Amino acid sequence: MHPHLHTKDNIACEEIMTALEECHAKGFIWKSMGMCTETKDKLTLCLRAERLKRTANNRQSSRAKREQIRKIWADIDENS
């Protein structure tokens, strides 16, 4: 299952999403003959890259928060 396409996190892929929607609008035969496959593959790669960026940012902020909590607990242990 893929994420919702038109979100604030996927702005970098907006061009490719629009191209895929235009390709799909050409009709069922166009899609079934594989004419949209290349655009779909590009979109998949773009969305994956965006997801990896978000994951890296989330991991970094999580580590910073965890370190801050460790410092607070260390301070509490010293003063108790």
PDB file of N, CA and C in Angstrom:
ATOM      1  N   MET A   1       0.840  -1.170   0.000  1.00  0.00           N
ATOM      2  CA  MET A   1       0.000   0.000   0.000  1.00  0.00           C
ATOM      3  C   MET A   1       0.890   1.240   0.000  1.00  0.00           C
ATOM      4  N   HIS A   2       0.578   2.190  -0.805  1.00  0.00           N
ATOM      5  CA  HIS A   2       1.404   3.391  -0.902  1.00  0.00           C
ATOM      6  C   HIS A   2       0.822   4.515  -0.057  1.00  0.00           C
ATOM      7  N   PRO A   3       1.636   5.503   0.288  1.00  0.00           N
ATOM      8  CA  PRO A   3       1.139   6.631   1.072  1.00  0.00           C
ATOM      9  C   PRO A   3       0.271   7.537   0.204  1.00  0.00           C
ATOM     10  N   HIS A   4      -0.449   8.425   0.857  1.00  0.00           N
ATOM     11  CA  HIS A   4      -1.213   9.413   0.111  1.00  0.00           C
ATOM     12  C   HIS A   4      -0.240  10.249  -0.704  1.00  0.00           C
ATOM     13  N   LEU A   5      -0.578  10.504  -1.943  1.00  0.00           N
ATOM     14  CA  LEU A   5       0.369  11.159  -2.830  1.00  0.00           C
ATOM     15  C   LEU A   5       0.476  12.651  -2.584  1.00  0.00           C
ATOM     16  N   HIS A   6      -0.627  13.344  -2.538  1.00  0.00           N
ATOM     17  CA  HIS A   6      -0.591  14.805  -2.462  1.00  0.00           C
ATOM     18  C   HIS A   6      -0.580  15.262  -1.002  1.00  0.00           C
ATOM     19  N   THR A   7       0.592  15.201  -0.394  1.00  0.00           N
ATOM     20  CA  THR A   7       0.775  15.679   0.967  1.00  0.00           C
ATOM     21  C   THR A   7       1.954  16.641   0.992  1.00  0.00           C
ATOM     22  N   LYS A   8       2.096  17.324   2.115  1.00  0.00           N
ATOM     23  CA  LYS A   8       3.204  18.283   2.242  1.00  0.00           C
ATOM     24  C   LYS A   8       4.567  17.589   2.209  1.00  0.00           C
ATOM     25  N   ASP A   9       4.599  16.295   2.536  1.00  0.00           N
ATOM     26  CA  ASP A   9       5.860  15.559   2.542  1.00  0.00           C
ATOM     27  C   ASP A   9       6.321  15.162   1.150  1.00  0.00           C
ATOM     28  N   ASN A  10       5.424  15.203   0.174  1.00  0.00           N
ATOM     29  CA  ASN A  10       5.755  14.728  -1.167  1.00  0.00           C
ATOM     30  C   ASN A  10       5.799  15.856  -2.204  1.00  0.00           C
ATOM     31  N   ILE A  11       6.073  17.053  -1.777  1.00  0.00           N
ATOM     32  CA  ILE A  11       6.086  18.200  -2.689  1.00  0.00           C
ATOM     33  C   ILE A  11       7.162  18.033  -3.765  1.00  0.00           C
ATOM     34  N   ALA A  12       8.274  17.392  -3.421  1.00  0.00           N
ATOM     35  CA  ALA A  12       9.361  17.214  -4.386  1.00  0.00           C
ATOM     36  C   ALA A  12       8.946  16.315  -5.552  1.00  0.00           C
ATOM     37  N   CYS A  13       7.931  15.494  -5.356  1.00  0.00           N
ATOM     38  CA  CYS A  13       7.484  14.550  -6.389  1.00  0.00           C
ATOM     39  C   CYS A  13       6.243  15.041  -7.131  1.00  0.00           C
ATOM     40  N   GLU A  14       5.855  16.264  -6.903  1.00  0.00           N
ATOM     41  CA  GLU A  14       4.611  16.803  -7.469  1.00  0.00           C
ATOM     42  C   GLU A  14       4.580  16.725  -8.998  1.00  0.00           C
ATOM     43  N   GLU A  15       5.695  17.054  -9.635  1.00  0.00           N
ATOM     44  CA  GLU A  15       5.771  17.017 -11.100  1.00  0.00           C
ATOM     45  C   GLU A  15       5.498  15.616 -11.642  1.00  0.00           C
ATOM     46  N   ILE A  16       6.116  14.639 -11.031  1.00  0.00           N
ATOM     47  CA  ILE A  16       5.967  13.257 -11.484  1.00  0.00           C
ATOM     48  C   ILE A  16       4.548  12.767 -11.226  1.00  0.00           C
ATOM     49  N   MET A  17       3.960  13.160 -10.084  1.00  0.00           N
ATOM     50  CA  MET A  17       2.581  12.769  -9.782  1.00  0.00           C
ATOM     51  C   MET A  17       1.630  13.324 -10.828  1.00  0.00           C
ATOM     52  N   THR A  18       1.847  14.573 -11.204  1.00  0.00           N
ATOM     53  CA  THR A  18       0.993  15.194 -12.217  1.00  0.00           C
ATOM     54  C   THR A  18       1.134  14.476 -13.554  1.00  0.00           C
ATOM     55  N   ALA A  19       2.364  14.122 -13.915  1.00  0.00           N
ATOM     56  CA  ALA A  19       2.592  13.408 -15.172  1.00  0.00           C
ATOM     57  C   ALA A  19       1.902  12.041 -15.155  1.00  0.00           C
ATOM     58  N   LEU A  20       1.938  11.357 -14.019  1.00  0.00           N
ATOM     59  CA  LEU A  20       1.282  10.051 -13.914  1.00  0.00           C
ATOM     60  C   LEU A  20      -0.233  10.193 -14.010  1.00  0.00           C
ATOM     61  N   GLU A  21      -0.780  11.209 -13.365  1.00  0.00           N
ATOM     62  CA  GLU A  21      -2.225  11.435 -13.449  1.00  0.00           C
ATOM     63  C   GLU A  21      -2.642  11.745 -14.885  1.00  0.00           C
ATOM     64  N   GLU A  22      -1.839  12.528 -15.593  1.00  0.00           N
ATOM     65  CA  GLU A  22      -2.141  12.831 -16.990  1.00  0.00           C
ATOM     66  C   GLU A  22      -2.079  11.571 -17.848  1.00  0.00           C
ATOM     67  N   CYS A  23      -1.113  10.721 -17.561  1.00  0.00           N
ATOM     68  CA  CYS A  23      -0.981   9.468 -18.300  1.00  0.00           C
ATOM     69  C   CYS A  23      -2.195   8.573 -18.038  1.00  0.00           C
ATOM     70  N   HIS A  24      -2.606   8.483 -16.781  1.00  0.00           N
ATOM     71  CA  HIS A  24      -3.765   7.658 -16.445  1.00  0.00           C
ATOM     72  C   HIS A  24      -5.056   8.214 -17.040  1.00  0.00           C
ATOM     73  N   ALA A  25      -5.109   9.514 -17.222  1.00  0.00           N
ATOM     74  CA  ALA A  25      -6.307  10.144 -17.784  1.00  0.00           C
ATOM     75  C   ALA A  25      -6.478   9.817 -19.266  1.00  0.00           C
ATOM     76  N   LYS A  26      -5.457   9.304 -19.897  1.00  0.00           N
ATOM     77  CA  LYS A  26      -5.542   8.980 -21.323  1.00  0.00           C
ATOM     78  C   LYS A  26      -6.403   7.751 -21.581  1.00  0.00           C
ATOM     79  N   GLY A  27      -6.688   6.980 -20.540  1.00  0.00           N
ATOM     80  CA  GLY A  27      -7.609   5.871 -20.690  1.00  0.00           C
ATOM     81  C   GLY A  27      -7.034   4.535 -20.279  1.00  0.00           C
ATOM     82  N   PHE A  28      -7.938   3.555 -20.190  1.00  0.00           N
ATOM     83  CA  PHE A  28      -7.585   2.233 -19.724  1.00  0.00           C
ATOM     84  C   PHE A  28      -6.609   1.531 -20.674  1.00  0.00           C
ATOM     85  N   ILE A  29      -6.862   1.631 -21.950  1.00  0.00           N
ATOM     86  CA  ILE A  29      -6.001   0.949 -22.920  1.00  0.00           C
ATOM     87  C   ILE A  29      -4.572   1.471 -22.813  1.00  0.00           C
ATOM     88  N   TRP A  30      -4.441   2.779 -22.659  1.00  0.00           N
ATOM     89  CA  TRP A  30      -3.120   3.406 -22.529  1.00  0.00           C
ATOM     90  C   TRP A  30      -2.376   2.818 -21.319  1.00  0.00           C
ATOM     91  N   LYS A  31      -3.088   2.709 -20.186  1.00  0.00           N
ATOM     92  CA  LYS A  31      -2.475   2.162 -18.976  1.00  0.00           C
ATOM     93  C   LYS A  31      -2.168   0.675 -19.135  1.00  0.00           C
ATOM     94  N   SER A  32      -3.108  -0.063 -19.715  1.00  0.00           N
ATOM     95  CA  SER A  32      -2.928  -1.514 -19.807  1.00  0.00           C
ATOM     96  C   SER A  32      -1.826  -1.916 -20.784  1.00  0.00           C
ATOM     97  N   MET A  33      -1.480  -1.044 -21.699  1.00  0.00           N
ATOM     98  CA  MET A  33      -0.391  -1.329 -22.633  1.00  0.00           C
ATOM     99  C   MET A  33       0.979  -0.986 -22.037  1.00  0.00           C
ATOM    100  N   GLY A  34       0.987  -0.490 -20.800  1.00  0.00           N
ATOM    101  CA  GLY A  34       2.244  -0.207 -20.112  1.00  0.00           C
ATOM    102  C   GLY A  34       2.853   1.134 -20.444  1.00  0.00           C
ATOM    103  N   MET A  35       2.056   2.044 -20.977  1.00  0.00           N
ATOM    104  CA  MET A  35       2.587   3.352 -21.359  1.00  0.00           C
ATOM    105  C   MET A  35       2.896   4.246 -20.149  1.00  0.00           C
ATOM    106  N   CYS A  36       2.338   3.911 -18.988  1.00  0.00           N
ATOM    107  CA  CYS A  36       2.559   4.730 -17.791  1.00  0.00           C
ATOM    108  C   CYS A  36       3.581   4.100 -16.844  1.00  0.00           C
ATOM    109  N   THR A  37       4.116   2.964 -17.205  1.00  0.00           N
ATOM    110  CA  THR A  37       4.993   2.216 -16.309  1.00  0.00           C
ATOM    111  C   THR A  37       6.260   2.996 -15.965  1.00  0.00           C
ATOM    112  N   GLU A  38       6.866   3.630 -16.923  1.00  0.00           N
ATOM    113  CA  GLU A  38       8.104   4.370 -16.666  1.00  0.00           C
ATOM    114  C   GLU A  38       7.852   5.516 -15.686  1.00  0.00           C
ATOM    115  N   THR A  39       6.757   6.230 -15.872  1.00  0.00           N
ATOM    116  CA  THR A  39       6.412   7.330 -14.972  1.00  0.00           C
ATOM    117  C   THR A  39       6.111   6.801 -13.577  1.00  0.00           C
ATOM    118  N   LYS A  40       5.425   5.677 -13.503  1.00  0.00           N
ATOM    119  CA  LYS A  40       5.104   5.062 -12.212  1.00  0.00           C
ATOM    120  C   LYS A  40       6.375   4.646 -11.488  1.00  0.00           C
ATOM    121  N   ASP A  41       7.340   4.099 -12.207  1.00  0.00           N
ATOM    122  CA  ASP A  41       8.614   3.712 -11.595  1.00  0.00           C
ATOM    123  C   ASP A  41       9.363   4.929 -11.061  1.00  0.00           C
ATOM    124  N   LYS A  42       9.344   6.025 -11.821  1.00  0.00           N
ATOM    125  CA  LYS A  42       9.990   7.260 -11.367  1.00  0.00           C
ATOM    126  C   LYS A  42       9.317   7.779 -10.095  1.00  0.00           C
ATOM    127  N   LEU A  43       7.997   7.707 -10.063  1.00  0.00           N
ATOM    128  CA  LEU A  43       7.259   8.165  -8.886  1.00  0.00           C
ATOM    129  C   LEU A  43       7.594   7.297  -7.677  1.00  0.00           C
ATOM    130  N   THR A  44       7.675   6.012  -7.872  1.00  0.00           N
ATOM    131  CA  THR A  44       8.018   5.110  -6.780  1.00  0.00           C
ATOM    132  C   THR A  44       9.393   5.440  -6.212  1.00  0.00           C
ATOM    133  N   LEU A  45      10.356   5.676  -7.076  1.00  0.00           N
ATOM    134  CA  LEU A  45      11.706   6.030  -6.620  1.00  0.00           C
ATOM    135  C   LEU A  45      11.724   7.368  -5.890  1.00  0.00           C
ATOM    136  N   CYS A  46      10.978   8.316  -6.408  1.00  0.00           N
ATOM    137  CA  CYS A  46      10.918   9.640  -5.783  1.00  0.00           C
ATOM    138  C   CYS A  46      10.275   9.553  -4.396  1.00  0.00           C
ATOM    139  N   LEU A  47       9.162   8.844  -4.290  1.00  0.00           N
ATOM    140  CA  LEU A  47       8.486   8.712  -3.000  1.00  0.00           C
ATOM    141  C   LEU A  47       9.358   7.961  -2.000  1.00  0.00           C
ATOM    142  N   ARG A  48      10.092   6.977  -2.475  1.00  0.00           N
ATOM    143  CA  ARG A  48      10.991   6.230  -1.596  1.00  0.00           C
ATOM    144  C   ARG A  48      12.100   7.143  -1.075  1.00  0.00           C
ATOM    145  N   ALA A  49      12.657   7.967  -1.942  1.00  0.00           N
ATOM    146  CA  ALA A  49      13.705   8.896  -1.522  1.00  0.00           C
ATOM    147  C   ALA A  49      13.177   9.877  -0.473  1.00  0.00           C
ATOM    148  N   GLU A  50      11.969  10.368  -0.683  1.00  0.00           N
ATOM    149  CA  GLU A  50      11.374  11.293   0.283  1.00  0.00           C
ATOM    150  C   GLU A  50      11.125  10.594   1.620  1.00  0.00           C
ATOM    151  N   ARG A  51      10.672   9.359   1.564  1.00  0.00           N
ATOM    152  CA  ARG A  51      10.430   8.604   2.787  1.00  0.00           C
ATOM    153  C   ARG A  51      11.737   8.370   3.540  1.00  0.00           C
ATOM    154  N   LEU A  52      12.800   8.053   2.823  1.00  0.00           N
ATOM    155  CA  LEU A  52      14.095   7.840   3.469  1.00  0.00           C
ATOM    156  C   LEU A  52      14.611   9.119   4.127  1.00  0.00           C
ATOM    157  N   LYS A  53      14.368  10.262   3.497  1.00  0.00           N
ATOM    158  CA  LYS A  53      14.760  11.546   4.103  1.00  0.00           C
ATOM    159  C   LYS A  53      13.999  11.773   5.406  1.00  0.00           C
ATOM    160  N   ARG A  54      12.667  11.527   5.366  1.00  0.00           N
ATOM    161  CA  ARG A  54      11.849  11.701   6.571  1.00  0.00           C
ATOM    162  C   ARG A  54      12.313  10.755   7.676  1.00  0.00           C
ATOM    163  N   THR A  55      12.621   9.526   7.309  1.00  0.00           N
ATOM    164  CA  THR A  55      13.073   8.542   8.289  1.00  0.00           C
ATOM    165  C   THR A  55      14.375   8.988   8.942  1.00  0.00           C
ATOM    166  N   ALA A  56      15.304   9.467   8.150  1.00  0.00           N
ATOM    167  CA  ALA A  56      16.584   9.938   8.690  1.00  0.00           C
ATOM    168  C   ALA A  56      16.379  11.126   9.624  1.00  0.00           C
ATOM    169  N   ASN A  57      15.519  12.060   9.236  1.00  0.00           N
ATOM    170  CA  ASN A  57      15.240  13.220  10.087  1.00  0.00           C
ATOM    171  C   ASN A  57      14.577  12.795  11.396  1.00  0.00           C
ATOM    172  N   ASN A  58      13.624  11.869  11.304  1.00  0.00           N
ATOM    173  CA  ASN A  58      12.953  11.391  12.517  1.00  0.00           C
ATOM    174  C   ASN A  58      13.925  10.680  13.441  1.00  0.00           C
ATOM    175  N   ARG A  59      14.804   9.883  12.879  1.00  0.00           N
ATOM    176  CA  ARG A  59      15.794   9.161  13.678  1.00  0.00           C
ATOM    177  C   ARG A  59      16.715  10.145  14.387  1.00  0.00           C
ATOM    178  N   GLN A  60      17.148  11.174  13.676  1.00  0.00           N
ATOM    179  CA  GLN A  60      18.056  12.160  14.260  1.00  0.00           C
ATOM    180  C   GLN A  60      17.373  12.924  15.401  1.00  0.00           C
ATOM    181  N   SER A  61      16.137  13.343  15.184  1.00  0.00           N
ATOM    182  CA  SER A  61      15.447  14.084  16.246  1.00  0.00           C
ATOM    183  C   SER A  61      15.149  13.182  17.438  1.00  0.00           C
ATOM    184  N   SER A  62      14.875  11.919  17.178  1.00  0.00           N
ATOM    185  CA  SER A  62      14.636  10.973  18.260  1.00  0.00           C
ATOM    186  C   SER A  62      15.890  10.778  19.106  1.00  0.00           C
ATOM    187  N   ARG A  63      17.034  10.680  18.461  1.00  0.00           N
ATOM    188  CA  ARG A  63      18.292  10.534  19.197  1.00  0.00           C
ATOM    189  C   ARG A  63      18.572  11.757  20.054  1.00  0.00           C
ATOM    190  N   ALA A  64      18.298  12.938  19.505  1.00  0.00           N
ATOM    191  CA  ALA A  64      18.515  14.179  20.262  1.00  0.00           C
ATOM    192  C   ALA A  64      17.586  14.225  21.484  1.00  0.00           C
ATOM    193  N   LYS A  65      16.335  13.854  21.304  1.00  0.00           N
ATOM    194  CA  LYS A  65      15.390  13.847  22.432  1.00  0.00           C
ATOM    195  C   LYS A  65      15.808  12.830  23.490  1.00  0.00           C
ATOM    196  N   ARG A  66      16.232  11.654  23.031  1.00  0.00           N
ATOM    197  CA  ARG A  66      16.664  10.606  23.958  1.00  0.00           C
ATOM    198  C   ARG A  66      17.870  11.064  24.767  1.00  0.00           C
ATOM    199  N   GLU A  67      18.811  11.728  24.113  1.00  0.00           N
ATOM    200  CA  GLU A  67      19.999  12.237  24.804  1.00  0.00           C
ATOM    201  C   GLU A  67      19.619  13.295  25.832  1.00  0.00           C
ATOM    202  N   GLN A  68      18.673  14.155  25.480  1.00  0.00           N
ATOM    203  CA  GLN A  68      18.214  15.182  26.409  1.00  0.00           C
ATOM    204  C   GLN A  68      17.561  14.535  27.627  1.00  0.00           C
ATOM    205  N   ILE A  69      16.761  13.501  27.424  1.00  0.00           N
ATOM    206  CA  ILE A  69      16.117  12.806  28.538  1.00  0.00           C
ATOM    207  C   ILE A  69      17.168  12.137  29.420  1.00  0.00           C
ATOM    208  N   ARG A  70      18.187  11.543  28.815  1.00  0.00           N
ATOM    209  CA  ARG A  70      19.264  10.920  29.601  1.00  0.00           C
ATOM    210  C   ARG A  70      19.975  11.942  30.478  1.00  0.00           C
ATOM    211  N   LYS A  71      20.210  13.142  29.925  1.00  0.00           N
ATOM    212  CA  LYS A  71      20.857  14.198  30.711  1.00  0.00           C
ATOM    213  C   LYS A  71      19.977  14.621  31.878  1.00  0.00           C
ATOM    214  N   ILE A  72      18.687  14.740  31.631  1.00  0.00           N
ATOM    215  CA  ILE A  72      17.758  15.134  32.700  1.00  0.00           C
ATOM    216  C   ILE A  72      17.744  14.081  33.808  1.00  0.00           C
ATOM    217  N   TRP A  73      17.686  12.806  33.412  1.00  0.00           N
ATOM    218  CA  TRP A  73      17.695  11.734  34.422  1.00  0.00           C
ATOM    219  C   TRP A  73      19.028  11.687  35.157  1.00  0.00           C
ATOM    220  N   ALA A  74      20.125  11.925  34.488  1.00  0.00           N
ATOM    221  CA  ALA A  74      21.421  11.946  35.147  1.00  0.00           C
ATOM    222  C   ALA A  74      21.469  13.081  36.165  1.00  0.00           C
ATOM    223  N   ASP A  75      20.917  14.216  35.816  1.00  0.00           N
ATOM    224  CA  ASP A  75      20.868  15.366  36.724  1.00  0.00           C
ATOM    225  C   ASP A  75      20.000  15.042  37.941  1.00  0.00           C
ATOM    226  N   ILE A  76      18.875  14.393  37.691  1.00  0.00           N
ATOM    227  CA  ILE A  76      17.993  14.003  38.804  1.00  0.00           C
ATOM    228  C   ILE A  76      18.693  13.022  39.724  1.00  0.00           C
ATOM    229  N   ASP A  77      19.400  12.039  39.134  1.00  0.00           N
ATOM    230  CA  ASP A  77      20.114  11.052  39.967  1.00  0.00           C
ATOM    231  C   ASP A  77      21.214  11.697  40.793  1.00  0.00           C
ATOM    232  N   GLU A  78      21.907  12.687  40.245  1.00  0.00           N
ATOM    233  CA  GLU A  78      22.970  13.364  40.981  1.00  0.00           C
ATOM    234  C   GLU A  78      22.404  14.179  42.147  1.00  0.00           C
ATOM    235  N   ASN A  79      21.270  14.786  41.967  1.00  0.00           N
ATOM    236  CA  ASN A  79      20.700  15.668  42.981  1.00  0.00           C
ATOM    237  C   ASN A  79      19.796  14.944  43.972  1.00  0.00           C
ATOM    238  N   SER A  80      19.618  13.657  43.812  1.00  0.00           N
ATOM    239  CA  SER A  80      18.728  12.928  44.731  1.00  0.00           C
ATOM    240  C   SER A  80      19.484  12.338  45.880  1.00  0.00           C
TER     241      SER A  80
END
